[in-house]
Protein backbone atom coordinates (compact mmCIF):
# COMPACT_ATOMS: atom_id res chain seq x y z
CA UNK A 1 -31.31 -36.18 28.74
CA UNK A 2 -27.79 -35.13 29.09
CA UNK A 3 -26.56 -31.87 27.00
CA UNK A 4 -22.83 -31.64 26.05
CA UNK A 5 -21.53 -28.37 27.10
CA UNK A 6 -17.61 -28.83 26.73
CA UNK A 7 -15.80 -31.18 24.42
CA UNK A 8 -12.86 -33.14 25.57
CA UNK A 9 -10.53 -35.31 23.58
CA UNK A 10 -10.99 -38.76 24.65
CA UNK A 11 -7.19 -39.65 23.78
CA UNK A 12 -5.54 -36.70 25.88
CA UNK A 13 -8.24 -35.13 27.74
CA UNK A 14 -7.88 -31.69 26.42
CA UNK A 15 -10.91 -29.35 26.59
CA UNK A 16 -12.54 -27.25 23.93
CA UNK A 17 -15.65 -24.96 24.06
CA UNK A 18 -16.77 -25.90 20.47
CA UNK A 19 -17.17 -29.03 18.39
CA UNK A 20 -15.00 -27.54 15.51
CA UNK A 21 -12.08 -26.91 17.77
CA UNK A 22 -12.32 -30.26 19.18
CA UNK A 23 -12.42 -32.26 15.78
CA UNK A 24 -9.68 -30.03 14.47
CA UNK A 25 -7.48 -31.04 17.54
CA UNK A 26 -8.15 -35.01 16.83
CA UNK A 27 -7.73 -34.50 13.10
CA UNK A 28 -4.21 -32.77 13.82
CA UNK A 29 -3.06 -34.67 16.87
CA UNK A 30 -4.65 -37.97 16.66
CA UNK A 31 -5.33 -38.78 12.98
CA UNK A 32 -6.16 -42.43 13.27
CA UNK A 33 -8.51 -41.79 16.30
CA UNK A 34 -11.66 -41.55 14.39
CA UNK A 35 -13.27 -44.28 12.32
CA UNK A 36 -13.07 -44.16 8.71
CA UNK A 37 -16.27 -42.81 7.35
CA UNK A 38 -17.52 -41.25 10.70
CA UNK A 39 -18.59 -37.65 10.56
CA UNK A 40 -17.11 -35.57 13.70
CA UNK A 41 -20.85 -35.58 15.33
CA UNK A 42 -21.15 -39.38 14.71
CA UNK A 43 -17.63 -39.90 16.49
CA UNK A 44 -18.56 -38.03 19.19
CA UNK A 45 -21.54 -39.86 19.76
CA UNK A 46 -19.62 -43.13 19.38
CA UNK A 47 -17.08 -41.76 22.13
CA UNK A 48 -19.99 -41.24 24.48
CA UNK A 49 -22.40 -44.07 23.98
CA UNK A 50 -20.05 -46.83 22.25
CA UNK A 51 -22.90 -47.30 19.55
CA UNK A 52 -21.95 -47.94 16.03
CA UNK A 53 -25.51 -48.32 14.80
CA UNK A 54 -29.17 -47.81 15.97
CA UNK A 55 -31.98 -50.09 16.30
CA UNK A 56 -35.41 -49.92 14.42
CA UNK A 57 -37.85 -49.73 17.07
CA UNK A 58 -40.43 -51.66 15.02
CA UNK A 59 -38.28 -54.46 13.53
CA UNK A 60 -35.08 -54.30 15.53
CA UNK A 61 -32.90 -54.21 12.29
CA UNK A 62 -29.89 -51.79 12.22
CA UNK A 63 -30.50 -48.02 11.38
CA UNK A 64 -28.17 -45.48 9.84
CA UNK A 65 -26.65 -42.43 11.13
CA UNK A 66 -28.69 -39.17 10.86
CA UNK A 67 -26.19 -36.00 10.70
CA UNK A 68 -28.96 -33.35 10.82
CA UNK A 69 -30.43 -34.81 13.96
CA UNK A 70 -27.14 -35.97 15.71
CA UNK A 71 -28.82 -39.41 16.37
CA UNK A 72 -29.09 -42.88 14.78
CA UNK A 73 -32.64 -43.14 12.99
CA UNK A 74 -35.33 -44.96 15.11
CA UNK A 75 -36.83 -46.64 12.03
CA UNK A 76 -34.88 -48.67 9.30
CA UNK A 77 -35.13 -47.58 5.72
CA UNK A 78 -37.98 -50.07 5.14
CA UNK A 79 -41.24 -47.71 4.88
CA UNK A 80 -43.29 -50.49 6.04
CA UNK A 81 -41.89 -50.10 9.50
CA UNK A 82 -43.48 -46.41 9.82
CA UNK A 83 -46.67 -47.79 8.35
CA UNK A 84 -46.98 -50.68 10.79
CA UNK A 85 -45.63 -48.34 13.60
CA UNK A 86 -48.81 -46.21 12.84
CA UNK A 87 -51.31 -48.77 12.64
CA UNK A 88 -50.26 -50.29 16.05
CA UNK A 89 -50.39 -46.69 17.50
CA UNK A 90 -53.98 -46.30 16.23
CA UNK A 91 -54.90 -49.85 17.57
CA UNK A 92 -53.38 -49.11 21.08
CA UNK A 93 -55.69 -45.93 21.56
CA UNK A 94 -58.77 -47.77 20.23
CA UNK A 95 -57.96 -50.89 22.39
CA UNK A 96 -57.66 -48.63 25.25
CA UNK A 97 -60.70 -46.04 24.86
CA UNK A 98 -62.73 -47.65 22.21
CA UNK A 99 -64.21 -45.90 19.29
CA UNK A 100 -67.73 -45.97 20.72
CA UNK A 101 -66.47 -43.69 23.45
CA UNK A 102 -65.00 -41.01 21.57
CA UNK A 103 -66.48 -38.08 20.10
CA UNK A 104 -63.98 -38.30 17.06
CA UNK A 105 -63.10 -41.31 15.00
CA UNK A 106 -59.35 -40.91 14.65
CA UNK A 107 -59.41 -42.68 11.45
CA UNK A 108 -62.13 -40.71 9.76
CA UNK A 109 -60.58 -37.42 11.34
CA UNK A 110 -57.42 -38.24 9.51
CA UNK A 111 -59.04 -38.83 6.16
CA UNK A 112 -61.02 -35.62 6.44
CA UNK A 113 -57.78 -33.66 6.93
CA UNK A 114 -56.21 -35.02 4.12
CA UNK A 115 -59.05 -34.35 2.00
CA UNK A 116 -59.16 -30.46 2.77
CA UNK A 117 -58.50 -28.17 0.04
CA UNK A 118 -55.71 -26.68 1.96
CA UNK A 119 -53.91 -30.25 2.45
CA UNK A 120 -51.26 -31.35 0.30
CA UNK A 121 -47.79 -33.45 0.35
CA UNK A 122 -44.53 -31.33 0.53
CA UNK A 123 -41.70 -32.73 -1.97
CA UNK A 124 -38.35 -32.72 -0.14
CA UNK A 125 -35.75 -30.95 -2.28
CA UNK A 126 -33.15 -33.64 -1.45
CA UNK A 127 -35.58 -36.11 -3.22
CA UNK A 128 -35.94 -38.25 -0.02
CA UNK A 129 -39.87 -38.16 -0.45
CA UNK A 130 -42.84 -36.63 0.62
CA UNK A 131 -44.54 -35.51 3.85
CA UNK A 132 -48.33 -34.84 4.08
CA UNK A 133 -49.55 -31.18 5.67
CA UNK A 134 -52.83 -29.47 6.48
CA UNK A 135 -52.57 -25.90 5.72
CA UNK A 136 -50.02 -23.31 4.72
CA UNK A 137 -48.48 -22.91 7.88
CA UNK A 138 -47.59 -26.45 8.07
CA UNK A 139 -46.46 -26.33 4.76
CA UNK A 140 -43.98 -23.35 5.60
CA UNK A 141 -42.67 -25.54 8.41
CA UNK A 142 -41.89 -28.38 6.00
CA UNK A 143 -40.02 -25.82 3.69
CA UNK A 144 -38.02 -24.48 6.79
CA UNK A 145 -37.03 -27.94 7.88
CA UNK A 146 -36.12 -28.76 4.46
CA UNK A 147 -34.07 -25.81 3.30
CA UNK A 148 -32.67 -24.56 6.72
CA UNK A 149 -32.37 -27.36 8.79
CA UNK A 150 -31.45 -30.04 6.47
CA UNK A 151 -33.98 -32.52 7.39
CA UNK A 152 -35.19 -35.15 4.99
CA UNK A 153 -38.72 -36.72 4.59
CA UNK A 154 -37.70 -39.66 6.44
CA UNK A 155 -37.01 -37.47 9.49
CA UNK A 156 -40.68 -36.14 9.91
CA UNK A 157 -44.00 -37.95 10.08
CA UNK A 158 -47.03 -35.90 8.94
CA UNK A 159 -49.47 -35.86 10.51
CA UNK A 160 -48.41 -37.54 13.69
CA UNK A 161 -48.94 -41.31 13.96
CA UNK A 162 -50.24 -40.83 17.46
CA UNK A 163 -53.41 -40.11 18.90
CA UNK A 164 -54.21 -38.27 22.26
CA UNK A 165 -57.15 -37.95 24.32
CA UNK A 166 -58.32 -34.71 26.36
CA UNK A 167 -61.64 -34.35 27.72
CA UNK A 168 -64.06 -31.29 26.64
CA UNK A 169 -67.27 -30.73 28.35
CA UNK A 170 -67.32 -34.34 29.45
CA UNK A 171 -66.70 -36.02 26.46
CA UNK A 172 -63.44 -37.47 25.14
CA UNK A 173 -61.85 -36.02 22.04
CA UNK A 174 -59.00 -37.14 19.77
CA UNK A 175 -55.94 -34.93 19.34
CA UNK A 176 -53.54 -35.61 16.50
CA UNK A 177 -50.43 -33.14 16.24
CA UNK A 178 -49.15 -32.05 13.15
CA UNK A 179 -46.04 -33.71 13.00
CA UNK A 180 -43.87 -36.21 14.73
CA UNK A 181 -40.11 -36.14 14.81
CA UNK A 182 -39.16 -39.97 15.76
CA UNK A 183 -35.36 -39.36 16.40
CA UNK A 184 -36.42 -36.53 19.08
CA UNK A 185 -39.75 -38.43 20.06
CA UNK A 186 -41.13 -34.89 19.45
CA UNK A 187 -44.64 -33.82 18.65
CA UNK A 188 -45.13 -30.52 16.88
CA UNK A 189 -48.14 -28.31 16.63
CA UNK A 190 -48.38 -25.50 14.31
CA UNK A 191 -50.62 -22.65 15.02
CA UNK A 192 -51.79 -19.35 14.13
CA UNK A 193 -53.43 -16.62 16.08
CA UNK A 194 -55.15 -15.26 12.86
CA UNK A 195 -58.56 -13.72 13.43
CA UNK A 196 -61.77 -15.65 13.27
CA UNK A 197 -65.19 -15.44 14.66
CA UNK A 198 -65.08 -14.83 18.34
CA UNK A 199 -67.28 -17.58 19.23
CA UNK A 200 -65.29 -20.27 17.66
CA UNK A 201 -62.11 -18.51 18.60
CA UNK A 202 -63.33 -18.67 22.08
CA UNK A 203 -63.91 -22.44 21.90
CA UNK A 204 -60.65 -23.32 20.23
CA UNK A 205 -58.61 -21.39 22.75
CA UNK A 206 -60.47 -23.82 25.48
CA UNK A 207 -59.71 -26.67 23.63
CA UNK A 208 -55.87 -25.71 22.89
CA UNK A 209 -55.33 -24.99 26.69
CA UNK A 210 -56.77 -28.48 27.22
CA UNK A 211 -54.33 -30.16 24.51
CA UNK A 212 -51.42 -28.34 26.03
CA UNK A 213 -52.07 -29.64 29.44
CA UNK A 214 -52.32 -33.02 28.12
CA UNK A 215 -49.28 -33.00 26.19
CA UNK A 216 -47.07 -30.86 28.77
CA UNK A 217 -47.99 -33.63 31.40
CA UNK A 218 -47.26 -36.52 29.23
CA UNK A 219 -44.03 -37.71 30.23
CA UNK A 220 -43.61 -40.50 27.42
CA UNK A 221 -43.38 -37.62 24.50
CA UNK A 222 -41.60 -34.33 23.81
CA UNK A 223 -43.87 -31.49 22.77
CA UNK A 224 -43.08 -28.12 20.99
CA UNK A 225 -45.88 -25.53 19.75
CA UNK A 226 -44.62 -23.14 17.05
CA UNK A 227 -46.99 -19.75 16.67
CA UNK A 228 -47.24 -17.87 13.40
CA UNK A 229 -44.02 -19.10 11.75
CA UNK A 230 -41.88 -17.84 14.70
CA UNK A 231 -39.10 -20.36 14.67
CA UNK A 232 -36.81 -18.71 16.87
CA UNK A 233 -36.92 -20.95 20.15
CA UNK A 234 -37.68 -23.99 17.98
CA UNK A 235 -34.13 -23.58 16.28
CA UNK A 236 -32.48 -23.41 19.65
CA UNK A 237 -34.58 -26.34 20.86
CA UNK A 238 -33.37 -28.41 17.91
CA UNK A 239 -29.89 -27.27 18.57
CA UNK A 240 -29.95 -28.44 22.18
CA UNK A 241 -31.69 -31.69 21.19
CA UNK A 242 -28.84 -32.23 18.58
CA UNK A 243 -26.15 -32.31 21.34
CA UNK A 244 -28.27 -34.21 23.92
CA UNK A 245 -27.50 -37.74 24.96
CA UNK A 246 -30.29 -40.09 26.15
CA UNK A 247 -29.91 -41.32 29.78
CA UNK A 248 -30.53 -45.03 28.84
CA UNK A 249 -27.83 -44.80 26.11
CA UNK A 250 -25.44 -43.51 29.08
CA UNK A 251 -26.73 -46.12 31.51
CA UNK A 252 -25.92 -48.92 29.04
CA UNK A 253 -22.49 -47.73 28.60
CA UNK A 254 -21.07 -48.72 32.14
CA UNK A 255 -19.26 -52.03 30.79
CA UNK A 256 -17.84 -50.09 27.99
CA UNK A 257 -16.90 -47.12 29.82
CA UNK A 258 -14.98 -49.63 32.59
CA UNK A 259 -13.20 -51.19 29.62
CA UNK A 260 -12.14 -47.84 28.24
CA UNK A 261 -12.15 -45.57 31.15
CA UNK A 262 -9.33 -43.32 30.44
CA UNK A 263 -10.72 -42.11 27.08
CA UNK A 264 -14.33 -42.47 27.71
CA UNK A 265 -14.43 -40.40 31.03
CA UNK A 266 -12.49 -37.60 29.33
CA UNK A 267 -15.25 -37.45 27.06
CA UNK A 268 -18.17 -37.82 29.73
CA UNK A 269 -16.73 -35.41 32.39
CA UNK A 270 -18.28 -32.29 30.79
CA UNK A 271 -21.49 -33.82 29.87
CA UNK A 272 -24.13 -32.16 32.10
CA UNK A 273 -27.92 -32.43 32.56
CA UNK A 274 -29.59 -30.28 29.86
CA UNK A 275 -31.48 -27.05 30.86
CA UNK A 276 -34.25 -25.19 28.72
CA UNK A 277 -32.83 -21.55 27.79
CA UNK A 278 -33.95 -19.16 24.96
CA UNK A 279 -31.56 -16.90 22.92
CA UNK A 280 -32.77 -13.62 23.63
CA UNK A 281 -32.26 -10.68 21.50
CA UNK A 282 -29.38 -8.28 22.59
CA UNK A 283 -30.01 -4.56 22.65
CA UNK A 284 -28.04 -2.06 20.54
CA UNK A 285 -24.55 -1.07 21.86
CA UNK A 286 -24.29 2.38 21.22
CA UNK A 287 -20.96 4.75 21.75
CA UNK A 288 -19.82 7.98 21.43
CA UNK A 289 -22.94 8.93 19.19
CA UNK A 290 -22.87 12.29 20.30
CA UNK A 291 -19.50 12.96 18.67
CA UNK A 292 -20.79 12.14 15.20
CA UNK A 293 -20.54 15.42 13.42
CA UNK A 294 -18.17 17.02 10.56
CA UNK A 295 -14.62 17.04 11.83
CA UNK A 296 -12.16 14.35 13.22
CA UNK A 297 -15.58 12.23 14.22
CA UNK A 298 -17.20 12.23 11.23
CA UNK A 299 -17.60 8.73 10.58
CA UNK A 300 -20.33 6.54 12.28
CA UNK A 301 -19.35 2.75 12.34
CA UNK A 302 -22.06 0.40 12.40
CA UNK A 303 -21.81 -3.54 12.70
CA UNK A 304 -23.57 -6.40 13.80
CA UNK A 305 -24.88 -9.89 12.80
CA UNK A 306 -26.12 -10.91 9.64
CA UNK A 307 -29.96 -10.28 9.61
CA UNK A 308 -29.77 -7.78 12.69
CA UNK A 309 -30.86 -4.77 10.52
CA UNK A 310 -27.55 -2.94 10.43
CA UNK A 311 -27.91 -1.96 6.83
CA UNK A 312 -31.48 -0.77 7.27
CA UNK A 313 -30.17 1.33 10.12
CA UNK A 314 -27.34 2.79 8.46
CA UNK A 315 -29.45 3.65 5.42
CA UNK A 316 -32.17 5.55 7.86
CA UNK A 317 -29.21 7.57 9.36
CA UNK A 318 -27.67 8.09 5.88
CA UNK A 319 -31.17 9.64 4.72
CA UNK A 320 -31.83 11.41 7.93
CA UNK A 321 -28.39 13.25 8.56
CA UNK A 322 -27.73 13.60 4.78
CA UNK A 323 -24.51 11.28 5.29
CA UNK A 324 -22.66 8.80 2.79
CA UNK A 325 -22.92 5.07 3.47
CA UNK A 326 -20.28 2.61 2.39
CA UNK A 327 -21.15 -1.15 2.86
CA UNK A 328 -17.97 -3.12 3.37
CA UNK A 329 -19.70 -5.92 1.17
CA UNK A 330 -19.01 -3.70 -1.70
CA UNK A 331 -15.34 -4.54 -1.56
CA UNK A 332 -16.06 -8.26 -2.29
CA UNK A 333 -18.68 -7.76 -4.68
CA UNK A 334 -17.54 -4.72 -6.54
CA UNK A 335 -20.20 -1.88 -5.82
CA UNK A 336 -19.89 1.48 -4.00
CA UNK A 337 -23.11 2.56 -2.11
CA UNK A 338 -21.68 5.77 -0.77
CA UNK A 339 -22.13 7.78 -4.29
CA UNK A 340 -18.92 9.50 -3.60
CA UNK A 341 -16.68 7.37 -5.81
CA UNK A 342 -14.86 5.93 -2.80
CA UNK A 343 -14.05 2.74 -4.42
CA UNK A 344 -12.92 4.25 -7.60
CA UNK A 345 -10.46 5.98 -5.47
CA UNK A 346 -9.29 2.96 -3.99
CA UNK A 347 -8.72 1.10 -7.06
CA UNK A 348 -6.33 3.96 -8.13
CA UNK A 349 -4.07 3.07 -5.30
CA UNK A 350 -4.95 -0.64 -5.33
CA UNK A 351 -5.85 -1.59 -8.80
CA UNK A 352 -5.37 -5.37 -8.03
CA UNK A 353 -8.42 -4.97 -5.75
CA UNK A 354 -10.79 -4.83 -8.96
CA UNK A 355 -9.98 -8.55 -8.98
CA UNK A 356 -12.73 -10.21 -7.06
CA UNK A 357 -11.05 -13.45 -6.75
CA UNK A 358 -8.58 -11.60 -4.66
CA UNK A 359 -11.50 -11.64 -1.94
CA UNK A 360 -13.23 -15.09 -2.76
CA UNK A 361 -13.75 -16.93 0.66
CA UNK A 362 -13.73 -20.03 -1.21
CA UNK A 363 -10.41 -19.54 -2.88
CA UNK A 364 -7.13 -17.47 -1.69
CA UNK A 365 -8.44 -14.60 0.35
CA UNK A 366 -6.19 -11.86 0.10
CA UNK A 367 -5.98 -10.52 3.63
CA UNK A 368 -3.24 -8.21 3.46
CA UNK A 369 -4.87 -6.42 0.45
CA UNK A 370 -8.32 -6.42 2.25
CA UNK A 371 -6.93 -4.77 5.42
CA UNK A 372 -5.30 -2.23 3.10
CA UNK A 373 -8.43 -1.41 1.21
CA UNK A 374 -10.38 -0.90 4.30
CA UNK A 375 -7.53 1.50 5.76
CA UNK A 376 -7.75 3.39 2.63
CA UNK A 377 -11.69 3.53 2.76
CA UNK A 378 -11.33 5.09 6.16
CA UNK A 379 -8.77 7.77 5.26
CA UNK A 380 -10.49 8.71 2.46
CA UNK A 381 -13.78 9.33 4.50
CA UNK A 382 -11.79 11.02 7.59
CA UNK A 383 -9.90 13.45 4.86
CA UNK A 384 -13.39 14.68 3.67
CA UNK A 385 -14.21 15.96 7.27
CA UNK A 386 -16.70 18.43 6.06
CA UNK A 387 -19.30 15.40 5.27
CA UNK A 388 -20.66 12.67 7.37
CA UNK A 389 -19.93 9.18 6.52
CA UNK A 390 -21.24 5.92 7.80
CA UNK A 391 -19.23 2.65 7.37
CA UNK A 392 -21.15 -0.51 7.83
CA UNK A 393 -20.41 -4.16 7.91
CA UNK A 394 -19.50 -7.22 10.09
CA UNK A 395 -15.83 -6.65 8.83
CA UNK A 396 -15.31 -4.05 11.34
CA UNK A 397 -14.99 -6.62 14.16
CA UNK A 398 -12.55 -8.96 12.16
CA UNK A 399 -10.09 -10.53 14.27
CA UNK A 400 -6.37 -11.49 13.44
CA UNK A 401 -4.82 -14.48 15.50
CA UNK A 402 -1.60 -12.10 16.15
CA UNK A 403 -2.60 -8.66 15.92
CA UNK A 404 -6.03 -8.85 17.48
CA UNK A 405 -9.08 -6.76 16.42
CA UNK A 406 -7.70 -5.26 13.05
CA UNK A 407 -9.45 -2.15 12.82
CA UNK A 408 -9.83 -1.39 16.43
CA UNK A 409 -7.26 1.40 16.31
CA UNK A 410 -9.97 3.37 14.00
CA UNK A 411 -13.18 2.55 16.02
CA UNK A 412 -11.83 3.31 19.43
CA UNK A 413 -13.27 6.56 20.50
CA UNK A 414 -15.40 7.10 17.43
CA UNK A 415 -19.13 6.94 17.04
CA UNK A 416 -20.25 3.07 16.92
CA UNK A 417 -23.30 1.15 16.91
CA UNK A 418 -23.33 -2.63 17.28
CA UNK A 419 -26.73 -3.83 16.01
CA UNK A 420 -28.33 -6.10 18.47
CA UNK A 421 -30.16 -9.40 17.44
CA UNK A 422 -30.53 -12.91 18.53
CA UNK A 423 -28.13 -15.60 17.12
CA UNK A 424 -31.07 -17.72 16.38
CA UNK A 425 -32.89 -14.74 14.33
CA UNK A 426 -29.58 -14.10 12.55
CA UNK A 427 -29.09 -17.65 11.60
CA UNK A 428 -32.60 -17.86 10.22
CA UNK A 429 -32.33 -14.42 8.17
CA UNK A 430 -28.91 -15.39 6.84
CA UNK A 431 -29.78 -19.06 5.86
CA UNK A 432 -33.20 -17.77 4.15
CA UNK A 433 -31.30 -14.97 2.31
CA UNK A 434 -28.52 -17.62 1.08
CA UNK A 435 -31.24 -20.05 0.35
CA UNK A 436 -30.00 -20.81 -3.00
CA UNK A 437 -27.03 -22.47 -1.53
CA UNK A 438 -28.83 -23.98 1.36
CA UNK A 439 -28.81 -27.57 -0.18
CA UNK A 440 -25.10 -27.59 -0.17
CA UNK A 441 -24.78 -25.95 3.32
CA UNK A 442 -24.64 -28.52 6.15
CA UNK A 443 -27.58 -27.59 8.54
CA UNK A 444 -25.50 -26.20 11.18
CA UNK A 445 -22.81 -24.61 9.42
CA UNK A 446 -24.47 -21.17 9.53
CA UNK A 447 -25.39 -21.42 12.98
CA UNK A 448 -21.96 -22.20 14.10
CA UNK A 449 -20.65 -19.23 11.96
CA UNK A 450 -23.07 -16.92 13.41
CA UNK A 451 -22.27 -18.10 17.23
CA UNK A 452 -18.68 -17.37 16.49
CA UNK A 453 -19.19 -13.94 14.92
CA UNK A 454 -21.48 -13.10 17.95
CA UNK A 455 -18.81 -13.85 20.20
CA UNK A 456 -16.37 -12.04 18.42
CA UNK A 457 -18.76 -8.78 18.35
CA UNK A 458 -19.07 -9.10 22.14
CA UNK A 459 -15.08 -9.24 22.49
CA UNK A 460 -14.80 -6.44 20.06
CA UNK A 461 -17.18 -4.36 21.95
CA UNK A 462 -15.53 -4.86 25.54
CA UNK A 463 -11.97 -4.18 23.46
CA UNK A 464 -13.29 -0.83 22.20
CA UNK A 465 -14.73 0.18 25.34
CA UNK A 466 -11.62 -0.93 27.35
CA UNK A 467 -8.95 0.91 25.24
CA UNK A 468 -10.62 3.60 23.21
CA UNK A 469 -13.58 5.15 24.63
CA UNK A 470 -12.67 8.85 25.34
CA UNK A 471 -14.36 10.87 28.28
CA UNK A 472 -17.23 13.18 27.40
CA UNK A 473 -16.36 16.78 26.64
CA UNK A 474 -16.70 19.21 29.84
CA UNK A 475 -20.20 20.44 29.29
CA UNK A 476 -23.52 20.95 31.22
CA UNK A 477 -26.05 20.19 28.43
CA UNK A 478 -26.62 16.58 29.21
CA UNK A 479 -29.88 14.81 29.79
CA UNK A 480 -28.51 13.33 32.79
CA UNK A 481 -25.78 15.52 34.29
CA UNK A 482 -24.64 13.18 36.97
CA UNK A 483 -23.82 10.46 34.59
CA UNK A 484 -22.59 12.88 31.61
CA UNK A 485 -25.14 10.99 29.37
CA UNK A 486 -27.66 12.29 26.32
CA UNK A 487 -25.71 15.39 25.49
CA UNK A 488 -27.80 17.90 23.63
CA UNK A 489 -25.82 20.56 22.24
CA UNK A 490 -28.19 20.96 19.31
CA UNK A 491 -31.48 20.21 17.90
CA UNK A 492 -29.96 16.82 16.28
CA UNK A 493 -28.91 15.47 19.59
CA UNK A 494 -32.25 16.25 21.21
CA UNK A 495 -33.96 13.93 18.64
CA UNK A 496 -31.23 11.27 19.10
CA UNK A 497 -32.11 11.48 22.98
CA UNK A 498 -35.58 10.81 22.27
CA UNK A 499 -34.90 8.14 19.68
CA UNK A 500 -32.81 6.35 22.35
CA UNK A 501 -34.85 7.03 25.26
CA UNK A 502 -35.70 3.41 25.90
CA UNK A 503 -32.08 2.68 26.75
CA UNK A 504 -32.24 4.87 29.69
CA UNK A 505 -32.48 3.15 33.25
CA UNK A 506 -35.87 3.88 34.79
CA UNK A 507 -34.63 5.55 37.70
CA UNK A 508 -33.19 8.33 35.56
CA UNK A 509 -36.19 8.32 33.08
CA UNK A 510 -38.04 11.44 34.59
CA UNK A 511 -34.92 13.60 34.50
CA UNK A 512 -34.23 12.50 31.02
CA UNK A 513 -37.85 13.48 29.85
CA UNK A 514 -37.57 16.84 31.84
CA UNK A 515 -34.23 17.89 30.21
CA UNK A 516 -35.26 16.82 26.65
CA UNK A 517 -38.28 19.00 27.10
CA UNK A 518 -36.07 21.93 28.21
CA UNK A 519 -33.55 21.65 25.25
CA UNK A 520 -36.23 20.95 22.67
CA UNK A 521 -37.85 24.29 23.67
CA UNK A 522 -34.47 26.05 23.44
CA UNK A 523 -33.49 24.59 19.88
CA UNK A 524 -37.20 24.72 18.57
CA UNK A 525 -37.60 21.06 18.33
CA UNK A 526 -41.27 19.41 17.94
CA UNK A 527 -41.70 16.73 20.46
CA UNK A 528 -43.04 13.47 18.90
CA UNK A 529 -42.47 9.77 19.77
CA UNK A 530 -44.03 6.49 18.77
CA UNK A 531 -46.13 4.45 21.12
CA UNK A 532 -43.56 2.08 21.76
CA UNK A 533 -40.96 4.63 22.66
CA UNK A 534 -41.50 5.26 26.62
CA UNK A 535 -40.87 9.36 25.88
CA UNK A 536 -44.50 9.19 24.72
CA UNK A 537 -45.56 8.89 28.68
CA UNK A 538 -44.24 12.07 29.15
CA UNK A 539 -45.85 14.17 26.26
């Protein structure tokens, strides 16, 4: 398989780092290039493979395009083809091994699974049909594929039509994966680590290992196991699969490429071999936290991706330090979370801001008014310098094409936390939160939006660090004096040093722990740390 990493216009060869940029360029500069009725993904697939339809692996008839998968379907719309395929798969296994040689009869095993009390048929929300499942975890998987990934019943077969043989204690056993996605030739196993009797659990673990070995060594199929409803890596896997092109399809294109080489070469140039990778959760970025106190630095700015926990963190700080937290989402939705009447003061200056249609993303969004409102909110908070404030929202990293980051002038040099998470987790959390609109939302629109926000946050952090971070004050009360890090001028900062202890490099860990104890004694701070905090090792 080959993965598309960079997108090039097949007409003029211009490069783009994302598909939206590529498709916009074609619409604006080559409006007649894309065939009528094609989606952007389908046109990209056509540019690379030359295919205008797929072929049913059972009957050979033409198959339709599947936008959720980014591929042509492997089965036609006739349900009998899937049924016949399943029968043939079973018969091949019987012909090879024979029922008499198997500990389990696969046909009987399937009937037993279907008759379990926890079994059922999941009805897809787009009315595409039903898929059978065995257990609540399997049902949750189908719900996730339906409501979050935009799959239909035609995209998933449950249970898998294939039987696999593994040897246990010298006897052959049948293994039937929970689901099969034909368009990716992907077998899926759903598992939970819930407790059970230790003897049963021990046997199951041995069998699971044997099954995994059989599947991982099978070159004819892809295999993925999902544990305890953790879909993080699976979403990334599906994203990669959507932008992969089969090697056979590439090889069949030789004649086509030669006939249209100037355009096709441009599209193929940046198609590279796929590599597996995982979206790793990013750590929190913390800047100038020691300055957060009444006075010129009385605002703590908190930003991050959806679902990262930035609001939860802000609420914790609000309660712990008797601060007032204003959620920037309140501008669009008309609520004030600060309890200080900030929004009421804003409305006095900008009465038109009461009209929520001014900030409707689907309509005419009044950017000028929005910027003015945020400017006024920050001014009001700074003016009340005796109190501590927290301003929270992804909006802090808003970027304008002409002026760059709109609010960098306020955030640079100020206390700032960019709450870390993974793009995949943010995508999942955000989609679940907005599930009432999931049916109308194309499967990858939110993921692309989230990745864009993630890149913007990284740029924002670099800009703030480059232009606005002020040098630390001249003092000696640092947890790491040589680096001028972890200042501890009072009890509050000693507690913060403990809270953020895990962010220190291990080479400075002992020194920081020693100085925390020193200043804790000076300010009368009772030392305590959770078991996941490395400082607990020094108590």
